[in-house]
């Protein structure tokens, strides 16, 4: 089953990756198969276009930047959490 990450967990993983990028070792066959499965799943993603208030977009960009995240990743995570019932409006 696919693990769901919070924004804080994503930030931590990104920072850990950057700090250790030169010391990676090969992964196991089972890990490779799981990775390939995730890639196949991500290929099913669709691109969308949204019209939102400029002030909302600037706020999202600023907050994402404070956490060292891309604003698109934040928006994607929020949509996913809403779609899976983890947050409500």
PDB file of N, CA and C in Angstrom:
ATOM      1  N   UNK A   1       0.831  -1.184   0.000  1.00  0.00           N
ATOM      2  CA  UNK A   1       0.000   0.000   0.000  1.00  0.00           C
ATOM      3  C   UNK A   1       0.876   1.248   0.000  1.00  0.00           C
ATOM      4  N   UNK A   2       0.436   2.268  -0.678  1.00  0.00           N
ATOM      5  CA  UNK A   2       1.177   3.507  -0.831  1.00  0.00           C
ATOM      6  C   UNK A   2       1.100   4.351   0.439  1.00  0.00           C
ATOM      7  N   UNK A   3       2.257   4.816   0.913  1.00  0.00           N
ATOM      8  CA  UNK A   3       2.291   5.660   2.113  1.00  0.00           C
ATOM      9  C   UNK A   3       1.939   7.087   1.745  1.00  0.00           C
ATOM     10  N   UNK A   4       1.106   7.693   2.557  1.00  0.00           N
ATOM     11  CA  UNK A   4       0.749   9.100   2.385  1.00  0.00           C
ATOM     12  C   UNK A   4       1.678   9.933   3.266  1.00  0.00           C
ATOM     13  N   UNK A   5       2.265  10.977   2.711  1.00  0.00           N
ATOM     14  CA  UNK A   5       3.183  11.829   3.441  1.00  0.00           C
ATOM     15  C   UNK A   5       2.541  13.173   3.754  1.00  0.00           C
ATOM     16  N   UNK A   6       2.830  13.686   4.943  1.00  0.00           N
ATOM     17  CA  UNK A   6       2.405  15.041   5.288  1.00  0.00           C
ATOM     18  C   UNK A   6       3.404  16.013   4.672  1.00  0.00           C
ATOM     19  N   UNK A   7       3.044  17.283   4.640  1.00  0.00           N
ATOM     20  CA  UNK A   7       3.959  18.281   4.095  1.00  0.00           C
ATOM     21  C   UNK A   7       5.252  18.341   4.897  1.00  0.00           C
ATOM     22  N   UNK A   8       5.169  18.202   6.215  1.00  0.00           N
ATOM     23  CA  UNK A   8       6.373  18.208   7.051  1.00  0.00           C
ATOM     24  C   UNK A   8       7.264  17.011   6.740  1.00  0.00           C
ATOM     25  N   UNK A   9       6.658  15.843   6.507  1.00  0.00           N
ATOM     26  CA  UNK A   9       7.439  14.652   6.158  1.00  0.00           C
ATOM     27  C   UNK A   9       8.120  14.825   4.807  1.00  0.00           C
ATOM     28  N   UNK A  10       7.414  15.435   3.858  1.00  0.00           N
ATOM     29  CA  UNK A  10       8.000  15.682   2.540  1.00  0.00           C
ATOM     30  C   UNK A  10       9.189  16.621   2.663  1.00  0.00           C
ATOM     31  N   UNK A  11       9.019  17.682   3.445  1.00  0.00           N
ATOM     32  CA  UNK A  11      10.106  18.629   3.657  1.00  0.00           C
ATOM     33  C   UNK A  11      11.320  17.928   4.268  1.00  0.00           C
ATOM     34  N   UNK A  12      11.093  17.098   5.277  1.00  0.00           N
ATOM     35  CA  UNK A  12      12.180  16.380   5.939  1.00  0.00           C
ATOM     36  C   UNK A  12      12.896  15.454   4.951  1.00  0.00           C
ATOM     37  N   UNK A  13      12.129  14.736   4.130  1.00  0.00           N
ATOM     38  CA  UNK A  13      12.721  13.835   3.142  1.00  0.00           C
ATOM     39  C   UNK A  13      13.547  14.600   2.112  1.00  0.00           C
ATOM     40  N   UNK A  14      13.048  15.740   1.657  1.00  0.00           N
ATOM     41  CA  UNK A  14      13.788  16.545   0.686  1.00  0.00           C
ATOM     42  C   UNK A  14      15.108  17.038   1.270  1.00  0.00           C
ATOM     43  N   UNK A  15      15.071  17.508   2.512  1.00  0.00           N
ATOM     44  CA  UNK A  15      16.298  17.989   3.155  1.00  0.00           C
ATOM     45  C   UNK A  15      17.286  16.844   3.379  1.00  0.00           C
ATOM     46  N   UNK A  16      16.775  15.680   3.778  1.00  0.00           N
ATOM     47  CA  UNK A  16      17.626  14.507   3.984  1.00  0.00           C
ATOM     48  C   UNK A  16      18.275  14.084   2.668  1.00  0.00           C
ATOM     49  N   UNK A  17      17.501  14.120   1.596  1.00  0.00           N
ATOM     50  CA  UNK A  17      18.029  13.769   0.282  1.00  0.00           C
ATOM     51  C   UNK A  17      19.176  14.697  -0.096  1.00  0.00           C
ATOM     52  N   UNK A  18      18.953  16.000   0.045  1.00  0.00           N
ATOM     53  CA  UNK A  18      19.984  16.968  -0.310  1.00  0.00           C
ATOM     54  C   UNK A  18      21.250  16.778   0.525  1.00  0.00           C
ATOM     55  N   UNK A  19      21.094  16.492   1.806  1.00  0.00           N
ATOM     56  CA  UNK A  19      22.242  16.338   2.696  1.00  0.00           C
ATOM     57  C   UNK A  19      23.043  15.073   2.403  1.00  0.00           C
ATOM     58  N   UNK A  20      22.380  14.039   1.873  1.00  0.00           N
ATOM     59  CA  UNK A  20      23.037  12.743   1.693  1.00  0.00           C
ATOM     60  C   UNK A  20      23.165  12.300   0.241  1.00  0.00           C
ATOM     61  N   UNK A  21      22.953  13.193  -0.681  1.00  0.00           N
ATOM     62  CA  UNK A  21      22.887  12.801  -2.090  1.00  0.00           C
ATOM     63  C   UNK A  21      24.152  12.115  -2.608  1.00  0.00           C
ATOM     64  N   UNK A  22      25.307  12.371  -2.030  1.00  0.00           N
ATOM     65  CA  UNK A  22      26.549  11.764  -2.513  1.00  0.00           C
ATOM     66  C   UNK A  22      26.862  10.418  -1.869  1.00  0.00           C
ATOM     67  N   UNK A  23      26.033   9.964  -0.938  1.00  0.00           N
ATOM     68  CA  UNK A  23      26.338   8.721  -0.228  1.00  0.00           C
ATOM     69  C   UNK A  23      25.280   7.641  -0.424  1.00  0.00           C
ATOM     70  N   UNK A  24      24.501   7.729  -1.504  1.00  0.00           N
ATOM     71  CA  UNK A  24      23.468   6.721  -1.737  1.00  0.00           C
ATOM     72  C   UNK A  24      24.064   5.386  -2.152  1.00  0.00           C
ATOM     73  N   UNK A  25      23.391   4.300  -1.769  1.00  0.00           N
ATOM     74  CA  UNK A  25      23.796   2.944  -2.128  1.00  0.00           C
ATOM     75  C   UNK A  25      22.681   2.297  -2.936  1.00  0.00           C
ATOM     76  N   UNK A  26      23.004   1.250  -3.701  1.00  0.00           N
ATOM     77  CA  UNK A  26      21.969   0.572  -4.494  1.00  0.00           C
ATOM     78  C   UNK A  26      20.832   0.057  -3.606  1.00  0.00           C
ATOM     79  N   UNK A  27      19.621   0.014  -4.187  1.00  0.00           N
ATOM     80  CA  UNK A  27      18.466  -0.476  -3.441  1.00  0.00           C
ATOM     81  C   UNK A  27      18.207  -1.942  -3.755  1.00  0.00           C
ATOM     82  N   UNK A  28      17.423  -2.586  -2.913  1.00  0.00           N
ATOM     83  CA  UNK A  28      17.097  -4.000  -3.109  1.00  0.00           C
ATOM     84  C   UNK A  28      16.139  -4.167  -4.282  1.00  0.00           C
ATOM     85  N   UNK A  29      16.023  -5.396  -4.756  1.00  0.00           N
ATOM     86  CA  UNK A  29      15.118  -5.698  -5.860  1.00  0.00           C
ATOM     87  C   UNK A  29      13.680  -5.370  -5.497  1.00  0.00           C
ATOM     88  N   UNK A  30      13.270  -5.692  -4.274  1.00  0.00           N
ATOM     89  CA  UNK A  30      11.891  -5.399  -3.865  1.00  0.00           C
ATOM     90  C   UNK A  30      11.641  -3.893  -3.821  1.00  0.00           C
ATOM     91  N   UNK A  31      12.628  -3.134  -3.362  1.00  0.00           N
ATOM     92  CA  UNK A  31      12.486  -1.680  -3.345  1.00  0.00           C
ATOM     93  C   UNK A  31      12.417  -1.127  -4.767  1.00  0.00           C
ATOM     94  N   UNK A  32      13.206  -1.707  -5.661  1.00  0.00           N
ATOM     95  CA  UNK A  32      13.186  -1.286  -7.057  1.00  0.00           C
ATOM     96  C   UNK A  32      11.820  -1.549  -7.681  1.00  0.00           C
ATOM     97  N   UNK A  33      11.249  -2.711  -7.395  1.00  0.00           N
ATOM     98  CA  UNK A  33       9.934  -3.052  -7.939  1.00  0.00           C
ATOM     99  C   UNK A  33       8.868  -2.085  -7.414  1.00  0.00           C
ATOM    100  N   UNK A  34       8.943  -1.735  -6.146  1.00  0.00           N
ATOM    101  CA  UNK A  34       7.994  -0.785  -5.560  1.00  0.00           C
ATOM    102  C   UNK A  34       8.148   0.592  -6.213  1.00  0.00           C
ATOM    103  N   UNK A  35       9.390   0.975  -6.450  1.00  0.00           N
ATOM    104  CA  UNK A  35       9.668   2.254  -7.098  1.00  0.00           C
ATOM    105  C   UNK A  35       9.089   2.275  -8.513  1.00  0.00           C
ATOM    106  N   UNK A  36       9.270   1.193  -9.249  1.00  0.00           N
ATOM    107  CA  UNK A  36       8.719   1.098 -10.605  1.00  0.00           C
ATOM    108  C   UNK A  36       7.197   1.184 -10.582  1.00  0.00           C
ATOM    109  N   UNK A  37       6.599   0.579  -9.571  1.00  0.00           N
ATOM    110  CA  UNK A  37       5.145   0.634  -9.417  1.00  0.00           C
ATOM    111  C   UNK A  37       4.686   2.075  -9.183  1.00  0.00           C
ATOM    112  N   UNK A  38       5.415   2.800  -8.350  1.00  0.00           N
ATOM    113  CA  UNK A  38       5.084   4.201  -8.078  1.00  0.00           C
ATOM    114  C   UNK A  38       5.218   5.049  -9.343  1.00  0.00           C
ATOM    115  N   UNK A  39       6.239   4.776 -10.137  1.00  0.00           N
ATOM    116  CA  UNK A  39       6.426   5.517 -11.388  1.00  0.00           C
ATOM    117  C   UNK A  39       5.257   5.270 -12.329  1.00  0.00           C
ATOM    118  N   UNK A  40       4.853   4.015 -12.441  1.00  0.00           N
ATOM    119  CA  UNK A  40       3.717   3.679 -13.302  1.00  0.00           C
ATOM    120  C   UNK A  40       2.458   4.388 -12.829  1.00  0.00           C
ATOM    121  N   UNK A  41       2.271   4.455 -11.527  1.00  0.00           N
ATOM    122  CA  UNK A  41       1.094   5.129 -10.970  1.00  0.00           C
ATOM    123  C   UNK A  41       1.144   6.628 -11.255  1.00  0.00           C
ATOM    124  N   UNK A  42       2.323   7.216 -11.138  1.00  0.00           N
ATOM    125  CA  UNK A  42       2.435   8.662 -11.366  1.00  0.00           C
ATOM    126  C   UNK A  42       2.204   9.018 -12.829  1.00  0.00           C
ATOM    127  N   UNK A  43       2.432   8.076 -13.731  1.00  0.00           N
ATOM    128  CA  UNK A  43       2.179   8.325 -15.149  1.00  0.00           C
ATOM    129  C   UNK A  43       0.695   8.516 -15.418  1.00  0.00           C
ATOM    130  N   UNK A  44      -0.143   8.095 -14.494  1.00  0.00           N
ATOM    131  CA  UNK A  44      -1.589   8.225 -14.640  1.00  0.00           C
ATOM    132  C   UNK A  44      -2.085   9.602 -14.201  1.00  0.00           C
ATOM    133  N   UNK A  45      -1.192  10.461 -13.759  1.00  0.00           N
ATOM    134  CA  UNK A  45      -1.589  11.781 -13.289  1.00  0.00           C
ATOM    135  C   UNK A  45      -1.980  12.664 -14.468  1.00  0.00           C
ATOM    136  N   UNK A  46      -2.856  13.627 -14.183  1.00  0.00           N
ATOM    137  CA  UNK A  46      -3.317  14.551 -15.210  1.00  0.00           C
ATOM    138  C   UNK A  46      -2.953  15.977 -14.834  1.00  0.00           C
ATOM    139  N   UNK A  47      -2.692  16.769 -15.835  1.00  0.00           N
ATOM    140  CA  UNK A  47      -2.413  18.183 -15.632  1.00  0.00           C
ATOM    141  C   UNK A  47      -3.729  18.946 -15.701  1.00  0.00           C
ATOM    142  N   UNK A  48      -3.898  19.919 -14.794  1.00  0.00           N
ATOM    143  CA  UNK A  48      -5.109  20.741 -14.797  1.00  0.00           C
ATOM    144  C   UNK A  48      -4.718  22.214 -14.783  1.00  0.00           C
ATOM    145  N   UNK A  49      -5.677  23.054 -15.077  1.00  0.00           N
ATOM    146  CA  UNK A  49      -5.480  24.499 -15.033  1.00  0.00           C
ATOM    147  C   UNK A  49      -6.515  25.080 -14.077  1.00  0.00           C
ATOM    148  N   UNK A  50      -6.075  25.950 -13.183  1.00  0.00           N
ATOM    149  CA  UNK A  50      -6.969  26.566 -12.201  1.00  0.00           C
ATOM    150  C   UNK A  50      -6.857  28.079 -12.273  1.00  0.00           C
ATOM    151  N   UNK A  51      -7.974  28.741 -12.071  1.00  0.00           N
ATOM    152  CA  UNK A  51      -7.961  30.191 -11.914  1.00  0.00           C
ATOM    153  C   UNK A  51      -8.235  30.475 -10.445  1.00  0.00           C
ATOM    154  N   UNK A  52      -7.261  31.112  -9.788  1.00  0.00           N
ATOM    155  CA  UNK A  52      -7.416  31.458  -8.374  1.00  0.00           C
ATOM    156  C   UNK A  52      -6.980  32.907  -8.181  1.00  0.00           C
ATOM    157  N   UNK A  53      -7.398  33.479  -7.084  1.00  0.00           N
ATOM    158  CA  UNK A  53      -7.023  34.864  -6.784  1.00  0.00           C
ATOM    159  C   UNK A  53      -5.506  34.975  -6.674  1.00  0.00           C
ATOM    160  N   UNK A  54      -4.962  36.037  -7.241  1.00  0.00           N
ATOM    161  CA  UNK A  54      -3.525  36.256  -7.196  1.00  0.00           C
ATOM    162  C   UNK A  54      -3.015  36.280  -5.757  1.00  0.00           C
ATOM    163  N   UNK A  55      -3.786  36.881  -4.854  1.00  0.00           N
ATOM    164  CA  UNK A  55      -3.354  36.959  -3.450  1.00  0.00           C
ATOM    165  C   UNK A  55      -3.261  35.568  -2.821  1.00  0.00           C
ATOM    166  N   UNK A  56      -4.191  34.671  -3.185  1.00  0.00           N
ATOM    167  CA  UNK A  56      -4.137  33.297  -2.670  1.00  0.00           C
ATOM    168  C   UNK A  56      -2.889  32.586  -3.179  1.00  0.00           C
ATOM    169  N   UNK A  57      -2.616  32.740  -4.473  1.00  0.00           N
ATOM    170  CA  UNK A  57      -1.440  32.086  -5.050  1.00  0.00           C
ATOM    171  C   UNK A  57      -0.161  32.608  -4.406  1.00  0.00           C
ATOM    172  N   UNK A  58      -0.070  33.915  -4.228  1.00  0.00           N
ATOM    173  CA  UNK A  58       1.128  34.488  -3.612  1.00  0.00           C
ATOM    174  C   UNK A  58       1.294  34.007  -2.171  1.00  0.00           C
ATOM    175  N   UNK A  59       0.194  33.865  -1.448  1.00  0.00           N
ATOM    176  CA  UNK A  59       0.262  33.352  -0.073  1.00  0.00           C
ATOM    177  C   UNK A  59       0.744  31.907  -0.049  1.00  0.00           C
ATOM    178  N   UNK A  60       0.217  31.091  -0.961  1.00  0.00           N
ATOM    179  CA  UNK A  60       0.643  29.687  -1.035  1.00  0.00           C
ATOM    180  C   UNK A  60       2.123  29.617  -1.386  1.00  0.00           C
ATOM    181  N   UNK A  61       2.553  30.405  -2.354  1.00  0.00           N
ATOM    182  CA  UNK A  61       3.971  30.414  -2.739  1.00  0.00           C
ATOM    183  C   UNK A  61       4.863  30.799  -1.558  1.00  0.00           C
ATOM    184  N   UNK A  62       4.459  31.841  -0.830  1.00  0.00           N
ATOM    185  CA  UNK A  62       5.264  32.311   0.304  1.00  0.00           C
ATOM    186  C   UNK A  62       5.344  31.258   1.401  1.00  0.00           C
ATOM    187  N   UNK A  63       4.206  30.661   1.731  1.00  0.00           N
ATOM    188  CA  UNK A  63       4.193  29.650   2.800  1.00  0.00           C
ATOM    189  C   UNK A  63       4.982  28.413   2.385  1.00  0.00           C
ATOM    190  N   UNK A  64       4.859  28.013   1.133  1.00  0.00           N
ATOM    191  CA  UNK A  64       5.606  26.852   0.646  1.00  0.00           C
ATOM    192  C   UNK A  64       7.101  27.139   0.681  1.00  0.00           C
ATOM    193  N   UNK A  65       7.471  28.328   0.254  1.00  0.00           N
ATOM    194  CA  UNK A  65       8.882  28.717   0.246  1.00  0.00           C
ATOM    195  C   UNK A  65       9.477  28.703   1.653  1.00  0.00           C
ATOM    196  N   UNK A  66       8.702  29.144   2.643  1.00  0.00           N
ATOM    197  CA  UNK A  66       9.168  29.122   4.035  1.00  0.00           C
ATOM    198  C   UNK A  66       9.525  27.713   4.485  1.00  0.00           C
ATOM    199  N   UNK A  67       8.816  26.726   3.933  1.00  0.00           N
ATOM    200  CA  UNK A  67       9.052  25.326   4.292  1.00  0.00           C
ATOM    201  C   UNK A  67      10.045  24.657   3.344  1.00  0.00           C
ATOM    202  N   UNK A  68      10.520  25.388   2.337  1.00  0.00           N
ATOM    203  CA  UNK A  68      11.444  24.810   1.374  1.00  0.00           C
ATOM    204  C   UNK A  68      10.759  23.887   0.382  1.00  0.00           C
ATOM    205  N   UNK A  69       9.472  24.117   0.138  1.00  0.00           N
ATOM    206  CA  UNK A  69       8.692  23.272  -0.764  1.00  0.00           C
ATOM    207  C   UNK A  69       8.299  24.047  -2.013  1.00  0.00           C
ATOM    208  N   UNK A  70       7.984  23.313  -3.065  1.00  0.00           N
ATOM    209  CA  UNK A  70       7.437  23.924  -4.267  1.00  0.00           C
ATOM    210  C   UNK A  70       5.944  24.137  -4.043  1.00  0.00           C
ATOM    211  N   UNK A  71       5.448  25.282  -4.476  1.00  0.00           N
ATOM    212  CA  UNK A  71       4.033  25.573  -4.223  1.00  0.00           C
ATOM    213  C   UNK A  71       3.112  24.595  -4.937  1.00  0.00           C
ATOM    214  N   UNK A  72       3.541  24.078  -6.103  1.00  0.00           N
ATOM    215  CA  UNK A  72       2.718  23.099  -6.813  1.00  0.00           C
ATOM    216  C   UNK A  72       2.558  21.828  -5.985  1.00  0.00           C
ATOM    217  N   UNK A  73       3.612  21.431  -5.286  1.00  0.00           N
ATOM    218  CA  UNK A  73       3.551  20.237  -4.435  1.00  0.00           C
ATOM    219  C   UNK A  73       2.581  20.439  -3.279  1.00  0.00           C
ATOM    220  N   UNK A  74       2.559  21.657  -2.739  1.00  0.00           N
ATOM    221  CA  UNK A  74       1.639  21.962  -1.641  1.00  0.00           C
ATOM    222  C   UNK A  74       0.196  21.875  -2.133  1.00  0.00           C
ATOM    223  N   UNK A  75      -0.085  22.487  -3.280  1.00  0.00           N
ATOM    224  CA  UNK A  75      -1.442  22.456  -3.834  1.00  0.00           C
ATOM    225  C   UNK A  75      -1.851  21.022  -4.144  1.00  0.00           C
ATOM    226  N   UNK A  76      -0.943  20.256  -4.729  1.00  0.00           N
ATOM    227  CA  UNK A  76      -1.225  18.846  -5.050  1.00  0.00           C
ATOM    228  C   UNK A  76      -1.534  18.057  -3.777  1.00  0.00           C
ATOM    229  N   UNK A  77      -0.743  18.273  -2.723  1.00  0.00           N
ATOM    230  CA  UNK A  77      -0.964  17.557  -1.461  1.00  0.00           C
ATOM    231  C   UNK A  77      -2.312  17.927  -0.845  1.00  0.00           C
ATOM    232  N   UNK A  78      -2.673  19.199  -0.915  1.00  0.00           N
ATOM    233  CA  UNK A  78      -3.966  19.632  -0.377  1.00  0.00           C
ATOM    234  C   UNK A  78      -5.130  18.999  -1.134  1.00  0.00           C
ATOM    235  N   UNK A  79      -5.038  18.973  -2.455  1.00  0.00           N
ATOM    236  CA  UNK A  79      -6.092  18.349  -3.260  1.00  0.00           C
ATOM    237  C   UNK A  79      -6.197  16.866  -2.931  1.00  0.00           C
ATOM    238  N   UNK A  80      -5.052  16.200  -2.795  1.00  0.00           N
ATOM    239  CA  UNK A  80      -5.067  14.765  -2.475  1.00  0.00           C
ATOM    240  C   UNK A  80      -5.691  14.514  -1.103  1.00  0.00           C
ATOM    241  N   UNK A  81      -5.321  15.328  -0.128  1.00  0.00           N
ATOM    242  CA  UNK A  81      -5.885  15.152   1.214  1.00  0.00           C
ATOM    243  C   UNK A  81      -7.389  15.380   1.212  1.00  0.00           C
ATOM    244  N   UNK A  82      -7.861  16.333   0.437  1.00  0.00           N
ATOM    245  CA  UNK A  82      -9.308  16.561   0.331  1.00  0.00           C
ATOM    246  C   UNK A  82      -9.976  15.378  -0.371  1.00  0.00           C
ATOM    247  N   UNK A  83      -9.366  14.908  -1.456  1.00  0.00           N
ATOM    248  CA  UNK A  83      -9.938  13.799  -2.231  1.00  0.00           C
ATOM    249  C   UNK A  83     -10.034  12.513  -1.417  1.00  0.00           C
ATOM    250  N   UNK A  84      -9.103  12.318  -0.492  1.00  0.00           N
ATOM    251  CA  UNK A  84      -9.099  11.098   0.320  1.00  0.00           C
ATOM    252  C   UNK A  84      -9.811  11.276   1.659  1.00  0.00           C
ATOM    253  N   UNK A  85     -10.443  12.428   1.860  1.00  0.00           N
ATOM    254  CA  UNK A  85     -11.228  12.656   3.069  1.00  0.00           C
ATOM    255  C   UNK A  85     -10.424  13.014   4.302  1.00  0.00           C
ATOM    256  N   UNK A  86      -9.146  13.333   4.141  1.00  0.00           N
ATOM    257  CA  UNK A  86      -8.319  13.671   5.298  1.00  0.00           C
ATOM    258  C   UNK A  86      -8.552  15.099   5.765  1.00  0.00           C
ATOM    259  N   UNK A  87      -9.030  15.956   4.862  1.00  0.00           N
ATOM    260  CA  UNK A  87      -9.436  17.307   5.230  1.00  0.00           C
ATOM    261  C   UNK A  87     -10.797  17.570   4.600  1.00  0.00           C
ATOM    262  N   UNK A  88     -11.546  18.472   5.202  1.00  0.00           N
ATOM    263  CA  UNK A  88     -12.857  18.832   4.660  1.00  0.00           C
ATOM    264  C   UNK A  88     -12.949  20.341   4.513  1.00  0.00           C
ATOM    265  N   UNK A  89     -13.916  20.765   3.752  1.00  0.00           N
ATOM    266  CA  UNK A  89     -14.145  22.200   3.547  1.00  0.00           C
ATOM    267  C   UNK A  89     -15.471  22.551   4.186  1.00  0.00           C
TER     268      UNK A  89
END
